[in-house]
Amino acid sequence: MEQLEIQSQRLGRNTEEKERLLQNVKDGWKLLNQQLKELAVCQEEESSMLEEYDRRTMEMLDQIADLWQYERYAKREYEKCEERILDMIADI
């Protein structure tokens, strides 16, 4: 009888231990899922920020190209004016 009682106590402790471990696993999965959701949000925000950075970079490159073309145009116009002035001086 006493042997049966000891085995019953062991079985009870084993069941409690299994339930505790199972709860730990469930809690771990919940935490992991929460962290995965947070990671997905962070990745989405990062992606959005990178897209904005790319857009702004392209805008800046377009502006640089426009300024470079304007500089070339201004330089040509300056050279034409310089030639006209030299021609006028030569005519005097």
PDB file of N, CA and C in Angstrom:
ATOM      1  N   MET A   1       0.808  -1.189   0.000  1.00  0.00           N
ATOM      2  CA  MET A   1       0.000   0.000   0.000  1.00  0.00           C
ATOM      3  C   MET A   1       0.858   1.262   0.000  1.00  0.00           C
ATOM      4  N   GLU A   2       1.874   1.187   0.871  1.00  0.00           N
ATOM      5  CA  GLU A   2       2.783   2.332   0.950  1.00  0.00           C
ATOM      6  C   GLU A   2       3.512   2.531  -0.377  1.00  0.00           C
ATOM      7  N   GLN A   3       3.872   1.450  -1.027  1.00  0.00           N
ATOM      8  CA  GLN A   3       4.536   1.511  -2.334  1.00  0.00           C
ATOM      9  C   GLN A   3       3.635   2.198  -3.356  1.00  0.00           C
ATOM     10  N   LEU A   4       2.384   1.892  -3.328  1.00  0.00           N
ATOM     11  CA  LEU A   4       1.410   2.478  -4.229  1.00  0.00           C
ATOM     12  C   LEU A   4       1.285   3.976  -3.964  1.00  0.00           C
ATOM     13  N   GLU A   5       1.319   4.364  -2.723  1.00  0.00           N
ATOM     14  CA  GLU A   5       1.229   5.771  -2.358  1.00  0.00           C
ATOM     15  C   GLU A   5       2.454   6.542  -2.858  1.00  0.00           C
ATOM     16  N   ILE A   6       3.628   5.954  -2.720  1.00  0.00           N
ATOM     17  CA  ILE A   6       4.870   6.576  -3.187  1.00  0.00           C
ATOM     18  C   ILE A   6       4.828   6.757  -4.697  1.00  0.00           C
ATOM     19  N   GLN A   7       4.386   5.728  -5.415  1.00  0.00           N
ATOM     20  CA  GLN A   7       4.290   5.830  -6.865  1.00  0.00           C
ATOM     21  C   GLN A   7       3.270   6.883  -7.275  1.00  0.00           C
ATOM     22  N   SER A   8       2.194   6.983  -6.541  1.00  0.00           N
ATOM     23  CA  SER A   8       1.172   7.982  -6.830  1.00  0.00           C
ATOM     24  C   SER A   8       1.728   9.388  -6.622  1.00  0.00           C
ATOM     25  N   GLN A   9       2.525   9.588  -5.574  1.00  0.00           N
ATOM     26  CA  GLN A   9       3.135  10.889  -5.322  1.00  0.00           C
ATOM     27  C   GLN A   9       4.125  11.245  -6.439  1.00  0.00           C
ATOM     28  N   ARG A  10       4.916  10.245  -6.853  1.00  0.00           N
ATOM     29  CA  ARG A  10       5.880  10.476  -7.951  1.00  0.00           C
ATOM     30  C   ARG A  10       5.156  10.846  -9.239  1.00  0.00           C
ATOM     31  N   LEU A  11       4.077  10.114  -9.497  1.00  0.00           N
ATOM     32  CA  LEU A  11       3.291  10.393 -10.696  1.00  0.00           C
ATOM     33  C   LEU A  11       2.714  11.803 -10.641  1.00  0.00           C
ATOM     34  N   GLY A  12       2.247  12.208  -9.461  1.00  0.00           N
ATOM     35  CA  GLY A  12       1.708  13.555  -9.279  1.00  0.00           C
ATOM     36  C   GLY A  12       2.787  14.607  -9.523  1.00  0.00           C
ATOM     37  N   ARG A  13       3.998  14.375  -8.986  1.00  0.00           N
ATOM     38  CA  ARG A  13       5.106  15.319  -9.189  1.00  0.00           C
ATOM     39  C   ARG A  13       5.501  15.370 -10.657  1.00  0.00           C
ATOM     40  N   ASN A  14       5.532  14.211 -11.319  1.00  0.00           N
ATOM     41  CA  ASN A  14       5.869  14.167 -12.743  1.00  0.00           C
ATOM     42  C   ASN A  14       4.841  14.941 -13.568  1.00  0.00           C
ATOM     43  N   THR A  15       3.562  14.761 -13.212  1.00  0.00           N
ATOM     44  CA  THR A  15       2.498  15.466 -13.932  1.00  0.00           C
ATOM     45  C   THR A  15       2.641  16.970 -13.716  1.00  0.00           C
ATOM     46  N   GLU A  16       2.888  17.378 -12.476  1.00  0.00           N
ATOM     47  CA  GLU A  16       3.082  18.805 -12.186  1.00  0.00           C
ATOM     48  C   GLU A  16       4.280  19.353 -12.946  1.00  0.00           C
ATOM     49  N   GLU A  17       5.355  18.608 -12.998  1.00  0.00           N
ATOM     50  CA  GLU A  17       6.569  19.032 -13.707  1.00  0.00           C
ATOM     51  C   GLU A  17       6.292  19.147 -15.205  1.00  0.00           C
ATOM     52  N   LYS A  18       5.577  18.187 -15.759  1.00  0.00           N
ATOM     53  CA  LYS A  18       5.223  18.240 -17.180  1.00  0.00           C
ATOM     54  C   LYS A  18       4.338  19.440 -17.478  1.00  0.00           C
ATOM     55  N   GLU A  19       3.372  19.701 -16.597  1.00  0.00           N
ATOM     56  CA  GLU A  19       2.491  20.860 -16.790  1.00  0.00           C
ATOM     57  C   GLU A  19       3.281  22.165 -16.712  1.00  0.00           C
ATOM     58  N   ARG A  20       4.224  22.232 -15.774  1.00  0.00           N
ATOM     59  CA  ARG A  20       5.062  23.431 -15.641  1.00  0.00           C
ATOM     60  C   ARG A  20       5.928  23.631 -16.895  1.00  0.00           C
ATOM     61  N   LEU A  21       6.511  22.548 -17.362  1.00  0.00           N
ATOM     62  CA  LEU A  21       7.332  22.637 -18.573  1.00  0.00           C
ATOM     63  C   LEU A  21       6.491  23.021 -19.787  1.00  0.00           C
ATOM     64  N   LEU A  22       5.300  22.437 -19.880  1.00  0.00           N
ATOM     65  CA  LEU A  22       4.401  22.764 -20.989  1.00  0.00           C
ATOM     66  C   LEU A  22       4.015  24.236 -20.947  1.00  0.00           C
ATOM     67  N   GLN A  23       3.729  24.762 -19.745  1.00  0.00           N
ATOM     68  CA  GLN A  23       3.402  26.180 -19.608  1.00  0.00           C
ATOM     69  C   GLN A  23       4.596  27.048 -19.998  1.00  0.00           C
ATOM     70  N   ASN A  24       5.799  26.623 -19.632  1.00  0.00           N
ATOM     71  CA  ASN A  24       7.010  27.362 -20.029  1.00  0.00           C
ATOM     72  C   ASN A  24       7.158  27.410 -21.548  1.00  0.00           C
ATOM     73  N   VAL A  25       6.867  26.290 -22.195  1.00  0.00           N
ATOM     74  CA  VAL A  25       6.946  26.234 -23.656  1.00  0.00           C
ATOM     75  C   VAL A  25       5.905  27.166 -24.274  1.00  0.00           C
ATOM     76  N   LYS A  26       4.671  27.118 -23.729  1.00  0.00           N
ATOM     77  CA  LYS A  26       3.609  27.991 -24.242  1.00  0.00           C
ATOM     78  C   LYS A  26       3.990  29.465 -24.063  1.00  0.00           C
ATOM     79  N   ASP A  27       4.511  29.808 -22.896  1.00  0.00           N
ATOM     80  CA  ASP A  27       4.936  31.189 -22.638  1.00  0.00           C
ATOM     81  C   ASP A  27       6.063  31.598 -23.582  1.00  0.00           C
ATOM     82  N   GLY A  28       6.976  30.663 -23.828  1.00  0.00           N
ATOM     83  CA  GLY A  28       8.087  30.935 -24.748  1.00  0.00           C
ATOM     84  C   GLY A  28       7.586  31.205 -26.160  1.00  0.00           C
ATOM     85  N   TRP A  29       6.621  30.413 -26.610  1.00  0.00           N
ATOM     86  CA  TRP A  29       6.050  30.607 -27.949  1.00  0.00           C
ATOM     87  C   TRP A  29       5.327  31.947 -28.052  1.00  0.00           C
ATOM     88  N   LYS A  30       4.597  32.305 -26.985  1.00  0.00           N
ATOM     89  CA  LYS A  30       3.911  33.603 -26.983  1.00  0.00           C
ATOM     90  C   LYS A  30       4.919  34.741 -27.096  1.00  0.00           C
ATOM     91  N   LEU A  31       5.989  34.655 -26.313  1.00  0.00           N
ATOM     92  CA  LEU A  31       7.025  35.686 -26.348  1.00  0.00           C
ATOM     93  C   LEU A  31       7.690  35.743 -27.718  1.00  0.00           C
ATOM     94  N   LEU A  32       7.983  34.573 -28.275  1.00  0.00           N
ATOM     95  CA  LEU A  32       8.604  34.524 -29.597  1.00  0.00           C
ATOM     96  C   LEU A  32       7.701  35.138 -30.650  1.00  0.00           C
ATOM     97  N   ASN A  33       6.420  34.812 -30.623  1.00  0.00           N
ATOM     98  CA  ASN A  33       5.474  35.382 -31.586  1.00  0.00           C
ATOM     99  C   ASN A  33       5.373  36.897 -31.441  1.00  0.00           C
ATOM    100  N   GLN A  34       5.363  37.363 -30.193  1.00  0.00           N
ATOM    101  CA  GLN A  34       5.307  38.808 -29.963  1.00  0.00           C
ATOM    102  C   GLN A  34       6.565  39.480 -30.526  1.00  0.00           C
ATOM    103  N   GLN A  35       7.714  38.887 -30.284  1.00  0.00           N
ATOM    104  CA  GLN A  35       8.959  39.459 -30.791  1.00  0.00           C
ATOM    105  C   GLN A  35       9.015  39.423 -32.315  1.00  0.00           C
ATOM    106  N   LEU A  36       8.474  38.371 -32.913  1.00  0.00           N
ATOM    107  CA  LEU A  36       8.431  38.290 -34.375  1.00  0.00           C
ATOM    108  C   LEU A  36       7.537  39.374 -34.957  1.00  0.00           C
ATOM    109  N   LYS A  37       6.418  39.639 -34.288  1.00  0.00           N
ATOM    110  CA  LYS A  37       5.528  40.715 -34.740  1.00  0.00           C
ATOM    111  C   LYS A  37       6.231  42.065 -34.638  1.00  0.00           C
ATOM    112  N   GLU A  38       6.933  42.289 -33.531  1.00  0.00           N
ATOM    113  CA  GLU A  38       7.671  43.531 -33.358  1.00  0.00           C
ATOM    114  C   GLU A  38       8.771  43.662 -34.416  1.00  0.00           C
ATOM    115  N   LEU A  39       9.426  42.572 -34.715  1.00  0.00           N
ATOM    116  CA  LEU A  39      10.466  42.572 -35.739  1.00  0.00           C
ATOM    117  C   LEU A  39       9.881  42.908 -37.100  1.00  0.00           C
ATOM    118  N   ALA A  40       8.723  42.352 -37.402  1.00  0.00           N
ATOM    119  CA  ALA A  40       8.067  42.632 -38.691  1.00  0.00           C
ATOM    120  C   ALA A  40       7.736  44.120 -38.793  1.00  0.00           C
ATOM    121  N   VAL A  41       7.257  44.716 -37.695  1.00  0.00           N
ATOM    122  CA  VAL A  41       6.952  46.149 -37.699  1.00  0.00           C
ATOM    123  C   VAL A  41       8.227  46.955 -37.930  1.00  0.00           C
ATOM    124  N   CYS A  42       9.288  46.575 -37.240  1.00  0.00           N
ATOM    125  CA  CYS A  42      10.568  47.275 -37.404  1.00  0.00           C
ATOM    126  C   CYS A  42      11.085  47.151 -38.839  1.00  0.00           C
ATOM    127  N   GLN A  43      10.965  45.977 -39.417  1.00  0.00           N
ATOM    128  CA  GLN A  43      11.417  45.782 -40.794  1.00  0.00           C
ATOM    129  C   GLN A  43      10.585  46.612 -41.757  1.00  0.00           C
ATOM    130  N   GLU A  44       9.305  46.714 -41.495  1.00  0.00           N
ATOM    131  CA  GLU A  44       8.432  47.525 -42.346  1.00  0.00           C
ATOM    132  C   GLU A  44       8.822  48.997 -42.240  1.00  0.00           C
ATOM    133  N   GLU A  45       9.080  49.454 -41.021  1.00  0.00           N
ATOM    134  CA  GLU A  45       9.495  50.845 -40.818  1.00  0.00           C
ATOM    135  C   GLU A  45      10.838  51.098 -41.498  1.00  0.00           C
ATOM    136  N   GLU A  46      11.762  50.142 -41.367  1.00  0.00           N
ATOM    137  CA  GLU A  46      13.072  50.280 -41.989  1.00  0.00           C
ATOM    138  C   GLU A  46      12.935  50.354 -43.507  1.00  0.00           C
ATOM    139  N   SER A  47      12.091  49.497 -44.059  1.00  0.00           N
ATOM    140  CA  SER A  47      11.867  49.492 -45.496  1.00  0.00           C
ATOM    141  C   SER A  47      11.315  50.835 -45.957  1.00  0.00           C
ATOM    142  N   SER A  48      10.369  51.359 -45.194  1.00  0.00           N
ATOM    143  CA  SER A  48       9.779  52.653 -45.518  1.00  0.00           C
ATOM    144  C   SER A  48      10.832  53.759 -45.462  1.00  0.00           C
ATOM    145  N   MET A  49      11.664  53.708 -44.451  1.00  0.00           N
ATOM    146  CA  MET A  49      12.722  54.716 -44.315  1.00  0.00           C
ATOM    147  C   MET A  49      13.725  54.616 -45.471  1.00  0.00           C
ATOM    148  N   LEU A  50      14.066  53.400 -45.865  1.00  0.00           N
ATOM    149  CA  LEU A  50      15.003  53.222 -46.976  1.00  0.00           C
ATOM    150  C   LEU A  50      14.398  53.721 -48.285  1.00  0.00           C
ATOM    151  N   GLU A  51      13.108  53.483 -48.480  1.00  0.00           N
ATOM    152  CA  GLU A  51      12.444  53.991 -49.684  1.00  0.00           C
ATOM    153  C   GLU A  51      12.470  55.513 -49.701  1.00  0.00           C
ATOM    154  N   GLU A  52      12.214  56.132 -48.558  1.00  0.00           N
ATOM    155  CA  GLU A  52      12.250  57.595 -48.456  1.00  0.00           C
ATOM    156  C   GLU A  52      13.669  58.111 -48.716  1.00  0.00           C
ATOM    157  N   TYR A  53      14.658  57.427 -48.163  1.00  0.00           N
ATOM    158  CA  TYR A  53      16.060  57.802 -48.385  1.00  0.00           C
ATOM    159  C   TYR A  53      16.397  57.704 -49.873  1.00  0.00           C
ATOM    160  N   ASP A  54      15.979  56.620 -50.517  1.00  0.00           N
ATOM    161  CA  ASP A  54      16.232  56.451 -51.952  1.00  0.00           C
ATOM    162  C   ASP A  54      15.550  57.552 -52.765  1.00  0.00           C
ATOM    163  N   ARG A  55      14.307  57.875 -52.404  1.00  0.00           N
ATOM    164  CA  ARG A  55      13.575  58.922 -53.110  1.00  0.00           C
ATOM    165  C   ARG A  55      14.294  60.262 -52.978  1.00  0.00           C
ATOM    166  N   ARG A  56      14.692  60.594 -51.768  1.00  0.00           N
ATOM    167  CA  ARG A  56      15.388  61.868 -51.548  1.00  0.00           C
ATOM    168  C   ARG A  56      16.742  61.900 -52.247  1.00  0.00           C
ATOM    169  N   THR A  57      17.426  60.772 -52.251  1.00  0.00           N
ATOM    170  CA  THR A  57      18.713  60.697 -52.935  1.00  0.00           C
ATOM    171  C   THR A  57      18.534  60.954 -54.427  1.00  0.00           C
ATOM    172  N   MET A  58      17.510  60.351 -55.013  1.00  0.00           N
ATOM    173  CA  MET A  58      17.251  60.560 -56.438  1.00  0.00           C
ATOM    174  C   MET A  58      16.893  62.020 -56.717  1.00  0.00           C
ATOM    175  N   GLU A  59      16.108  62.635 -55.832  1.00  0.00           N
ATOM    176  CA  GLU A  59      15.777  64.046 -55.999  1.00  0.00           C
ATOM    177  C   GLU A  59      17.041  64.899 -55.971  1.00  0.00           C
ATOM    178  N   MET A  60      17.922  64.602 -55.033  1.00  0.00           N
ATOM    179  CA  MET A  60      19.165  65.369 -54.925  1.00  0.00           C
ATOM    180  C   MET A  60      20.043  65.171 -56.156  1.00  0.00           C
ATOM    181  N   LEU A  61      20.106  63.938 -56.643  1.00  0.00           N
ATOM    182  CA  LEU A  61      20.911  63.679 -57.844  1.00  0.00           C
ATOM    183  C   LEU A  61      20.332  64.421 -59.048  1.00  0.00           C
ATOM    184  N   ASP A  62      19.002  64.466 -59.135  1.00  0.00           N
ATOM    185  CA  ASP A  62      18.362  65.232 -60.215  1.00  0.00           C
ATOM    186  C   ASP A  62      18.702  66.713 -60.097  1.00  0.00           C
ATOM    187  N   GLN A  63      18.677  67.235 -58.882  1.00  0.00           N
ATOM    188  CA  GLN A  63      19.018  68.641 -58.681  1.00  0.00           C
ATOM    189  C   GLN A  63      20.477  68.918 -59.032  1.00  0.00           C
ATOM    190  N   ILE A  64      21.346  68.006 -58.676  1.00  0.00           N
ATOM    191  CA  ILE A  64      22.772  68.162 -59.004  1.00  0.00           C
ATOM    192  C   ILE A  64      22.949  68.162 -60.517  1.00  0.00           C
ATOM    193  N   ALA A  65      22.259  67.255 -61.207  1.00  0.00           N
ATOM    194  CA  ALA A  65      22.347  67.196 -62.667  1.00  0.00           C
ATOM    195  C   ALA A  65      21.833  68.494 -63.292  1.00  0.00           C
ATOM    196  N   ASP A  66      20.716  69.011 -62.753  1.00  0.00           N
ATOM    197  CA  ASP A  66      20.178  70.282 -63.260  1.00  0.00           C
ATOM    198  C   ASP A  66      21.173  71.420 -63.057  1.00  0.00           C
ATOM    199  N   LEU A  67      21.764  71.481 -61.868  1.00  0.00           N
ATOM    200  CA  LEU A  67      22.740  72.535 -61.580  1.00  0.00           C
ATOM    201  C   LEU A  67      23.971  72.411 -62.481  1.00  0.00           C
ATOM    202  N   TRP A  68      24.401  71.196 -62.720  1.00  0.00           N
ATOM    203  CA  TRP A  68      25.566  70.982 -63.579  1.00  0.00           C
ATOM    204  C   TRP A  68      25.255  71.459 -65.006  1.00  0.00           C
ATOM    205  N   GLN A  69      24.060  71.124 -65.496  1.00  0.00           N
ATOM    206  CA  GLN A  69      23.678  71.583 -66.834  1.00  0.00           C
ATOM    207  C   GLN A  69      23.573  73.099 -66.872  1.00  0.00           C
ATOM    208  N   TYR A  70      23.014  73.700 -65.825  1.00  0.00           N
ATOM    209  CA  TYR A  70      22.903  75.157 -65.778  1.00  0.00           C
ATOM    210  C   TYR A  70      24.293  75.791 -65.742  1.00  0.00           C
ATOM    211  N   GLU A  71      25.204  75.192 -64.997  1.00  0.00           N
ATOM    212  CA  GLU A  71      26.570  75.707 -64.927  1.00  0.00           C
ATOM    213  C   GLU A  71      27.224  75.672 -66.314  1.00  0.00           C
ATOM    214  N   ARG A  72      27.036  74.577 -67.024  1.00  0.00           N
ATOM    215  CA  ARG A  72      27.599  74.472 -68.374  1.00  0.00           C
ATOM    216  C   ARG A  72      26.986  75.537 -69.285  1.00  0.00           C
ATOM    217  N   TYR A  73      25.655  75.731 -69.206  1.00  0.00           N
ATOM    218  CA  TYR A  73      24.972  76.751 -70.004  1.00  0.00           C
ATOM    219  C   TYR A  73      25.509  78.143 -69.659  1.00  0.00           C
ATOM    220  N   ALA A  74      25.620  78.432 -68.354  1.00  0.00           N
ATOM    221  CA  ALA A  74      26.103  79.746 -67.918  1.00  0.00           C
ATOM    222  C   ALA A  74      27.535  79.974 -68.389  1.00  0.00           C
ATOM    223  N   LYS A  75      28.341  78.956 -68.350  1.00  0.00           N
ATOM    224  CA  LYS A  75      29.733  79.082 -68.795  1.00  0.00           C
ATOM    225  C   LYS A  75      29.780  79.387 -70.295  1.00  0.00           C
ATOM    226  N   ARG A  76      28.954  78.701 -71.085  1.00  0.00           N
ATOM    227  CA  ARG A  76      28.913  78.967 -72.536  1.00  0.00           C
ATOM    228  C   ARG A  76      28.464  80.404 -72.803  1.00  0.00           C
ATOM    229  N   GLU A  77      27.410  80.836 -72.076  1.00  0.00           N
ATOM    230  CA  GLU A  77      26.917  82.203 -72.268  1.00  0.00           C
ATOM    231  C   GLU A  77      27.979  83.229 -71.865  1.00  0.00           C
ATOM    232  N   TYR A  78      28.684  82.957 -70.794  1.00  0.00           N
ATOM    233  CA  TYR A  78      29.744  83.853 -70.346  1.00  0.00           C
ATOM    234  C   TYR A  78      30.831  83.942 -71.412  1.00  0.00           C
ATOM    235  N   GLU A  79      31.206  82.789 -71.963  1.00  0.00           N
ATOM    236  CA  GLU A  79      32.244  82.778 -72.999  1.00  0.00           C
ATOM    237  C   GLU A  79      31.788  83.554 -74.235  1.00  0.00           C
ATOM    238  N   LYS A  80      30.495  83.423 -74.597  1.00  0.00           N
ATOM    239  CA  LYS A  80      29.975  84.190 -75.744  1.00  0.00           C
ATOM    240  C   LYS A  80      30.050  85.684 -75.466  1.00  0.00           C
ATOM    241  N   CYS A  81      29.650  86.090 -74.260  1.00  0.00           N
ATOM    242  CA  CYS A  81      29.714  87.508 -73.899  1.00  0.00           C
ATOM    243  C   CYS A  81      31.160  88.001 -73.912  1.00  0.00           C
ATOM    244  N   GLU A  82      32.029  87.187 -73.407  1.00  0.00           N
ATOM    245  CA  GLU A  82      33.445  87.555 -73.372  1.00  0.00           C
ATOM    246  C   GLU A  82      33.968  87.757 -74.798  1.00  0.00           C
ATOM    247  N   GLU A  83      33.592  86.849 -75.707  1.00  0.00           N
ATOM    248  CA  GLU A  83      34.011  86.986 -77.102  1.00  0.00           C
ATOM    249  C   GLU A  83      33.454  88.263 -77.726  1.00  0.00           C
ATOM    250  N   ARG A  84      32.177  88.578 -77.452  1.00  0.00           N
ATOM    251  CA  ARG A  84      31.574  89.804 -77.987  1.00  0.00           C
ATOM    252  C   ARG A  84      32.292  91.047 -77.472  1.00  0.00           C
ATOM    253  N   ILE A  85      32.614  91.014 -76.182  1.00  0.00           N
ATOM    254  CA  ILE A  85      33.321  92.173 -75.614  1.00  0.00           C
ATOM    255  C   ILE A  85      34.683  92.315 -76.275  1.00  0.00           C
ATOM    256  N   LEU A  86      35.382  91.202 -76.451  1.00  0.00           N
ATOM    257  CA  LEU A  86      36.702  91.264 -77.099  1.00  0.00           C
ATOM    258  C   LEU A  86      36.574  91.738 -78.546  1.00  0.00           C
ATOM    259  N   ASP A  87      35.500  91.293 -79.227  1.00  0.00           N
ATOM    260  CA  ASP A  87      35.265  91.749 -80.611  1.00  0.00           C
ATOM    261  C   ASP A  87      34.986  93.248 -80.625  1.00  0.00           C
ATOM    262  N   MET A  88      34.200  93.722 -79.654  1.00  0.00           N
ATOM    263  CA  MET A  88      33.893  95.153 -79.586  1.00  0.00           C
ATOM    264  C   MET A  88      35.155  95.966 -79.324  1.00  0.00           C
ATOM    265  N   ILE A  89      35.990  95.438 -78.437  1.00  0.00           N
ATOM    266  CA  ILE A  89      37.243  96.153 -78.142  1.00  0.00           C
ATOM    267  C   ILE A  89      38.139  96.157 -79.384  1.00  0.00           C
ATOM    268  N   ALA A  90      38.148  95.044 -80.109  1.00  0.00           N
ATOM    269  CA  ALA A  90      38.976  94.974 -81.307  1.00  0.00           C
ATOM    270  C   ALA A  90      38.470  95.932 -82.380  1.00  0.00           C
ATOM    271  N   ASP A  91      37.145  96.161 -82.425  1.00  0.00           N
ATOM    272  CA  ASP A  91      36.580  97.067 -83.423  1.00  0.00           C
ATOM    273  C   ASP A  91      36.879  98.529 -83.106  1.00  0.00           C
ATOM    274  N   ILE A  92      37.220  98.822 -81.913  1.00  0.00           N
ATOM    275  CA  ILE A  92      37.440 100.222 -81.517  1.00  0.00           C
ATOM    276  C   ILE A  92      38.753 100.718 -81.997  1.00  0.00           C
TER     277      ILE A  92
END
